[in-house]
Protein backbone atom coordinates (compact mmCIF):
# COMPACT_ATOMS: atom_id res chain seq x y z
CA MET A 1 -12.60 -61.52 24.47
CA GLN A 2 -11.21 -61.66 20.95
CA ASP A 3 -9.35 -64.88 21.71
CA LYS A 4 -12.08 -66.75 23.58
CA ALA A 5 -15.45 -65.45 22.38
CA PHE A 6 -17.28 -66.07 19.14
CA ILE A 7 -17.34 -62.64 17.53
CA SER A 8 -19.97 -62.01 14.88
CA TYR A 9 -18.75 -62.07 11.29
CA LYS A 10 -20.40 -58.65 10.92
CA VAL A 11 -17.87 -57.10 13.29
CA ASP A 12 -14.61 -55.66 11.96
CA ILE A 13 -12.20 -56.28 14.81
CA LYS A 14 -9.51 -54.05 13.26
CA THR A 15 -11.88 -51.08 13.33
CA ILE A 16 -12.82 -51.77 16.93
CA ASN A 17 -9.19 -52.08 17.98
CA ALA A 18 -8.36 -48.82 16.20
CA SER A 19 -11.15 -47.09 18.17
CA ILE A 20 -10.26 -48.49 21.58
CA ASP A 21 -9.83 -44.99 23.04
CA GLU A 22 -13.43 -44.12 22.20
CA PHE A 23 -14.62 -47.41 23.67
CA GLU A 24 -12.77 -46.79 26.92
CA LYS A 25 -14.45 -43.38 27.29
CA LEU A 26 -17.91 -44.97 27.22
CA PRO A 27 -19.73 -45.57 30.49
CA PHE A 28 -19.38 -49.17 31.71
CA LYS A 29 -23.05 -49.90 30.93
CA ASP A 30 -22.51 -48.89 27.28
CA GLN A 31 -19.25 -50.85 27.04
CA LYS A 32 -21.06 -53.92 28.28
CA ARG A 33 -23.93 -53.46 25.82
CA PHE A 34 -21.47 -52.95 22.95
CA LEU A 35 -19.53 -56.11 23.77
CA ILE A 36 -22.71 -58.16 24.01
CA GLU A 37 -23.77 -56.89 20.60
CA THR A 38 -20.47 -58.05 19.04
CA LEU A 39 -21.07 -61.68 20.00
CA ASP A 40 -22.29 -64.22 17.48
CA LYS A 41 -25.67 -65.09 18.99
CA ASN A 42 -25.69 -68.42 17.15
CA MET A 43 -22.83 -69.56 19.37
CA LEU A 44 -24.42 -68.89 22.75
CA TYR A 45 -24.60 -72.64 23.15
CA VAL A 46 -22.47 -75.55 21.98
CA PRO A 47 -24.30 -77.95 19.66
CA TYR A 48 -24.65 -81.44 21.14
CA SER A 49 -22.68 -82.90 18.24
CA GLU A 50 -19.72 -80.67 19.17
CA ILE A 51 -19.49 -81.18 22.94
CA ASP A 52 -16.48 -83.51 22.63
CA ASP A 53 -14.50 -80.89 20.68
CA VAL A 54 -11.57 -79.81 22.89
CA ASP A 55 -11.87 -76.21 21.62
CA TYR A 56 -15.04 -75.79 23.69
CA SER A 57 -13.55 -77.11 26.97
CA ILE A 58 -16.78 -78.80 28.05
CA SER A 59 -16.40 -80.48 31.45
CA ASP A 60 -16.86 -84.24 31.77
CA GLU A 61 -19.77 -83.61 34.13
CA ASP A 62 -21.57 -81.44 31.55
CA LYS A 63 -20.89 -83.99 28.81
CA LYS A 64 -22.31 -86.79 30.97
CA LEU A 65 -25.44 -84.75 31.73
CA ASN A 66 -25.97 -83.95 28.04
CA HIS A 67 -25.48 -87.56 27.01
CA LYS A 68 -28.08 -88.63 29.61
CA PHE A 69 -30.51 -85.93 28.52
CA TYR A 70 -30.22 -86.67 24.79
CA GLY A 71 -30.06 -90.46 25.22
CA GLY A 72 -26.53 -90.85 23.90
CA LYS A 73 -23.57 -92.56 25.48
CA ALA A 74 -23.26 -91.93 29.22
């Protein structure tokens, strides 16, 4: 998750990694809730202006659909 997700700037990853034993002892439901809370909610979508950025790995089909929807190049 650290390599692929957009973690909130408010989260100190070093502290989380140092407490991994405590995290693993949590029930799955609480682990899931914790991980969701660490995400940067502003990056739950990719801005239209960024869909061609290779870092986001947007499929050609999704790009085509977005271009049609927003009236850009198809």
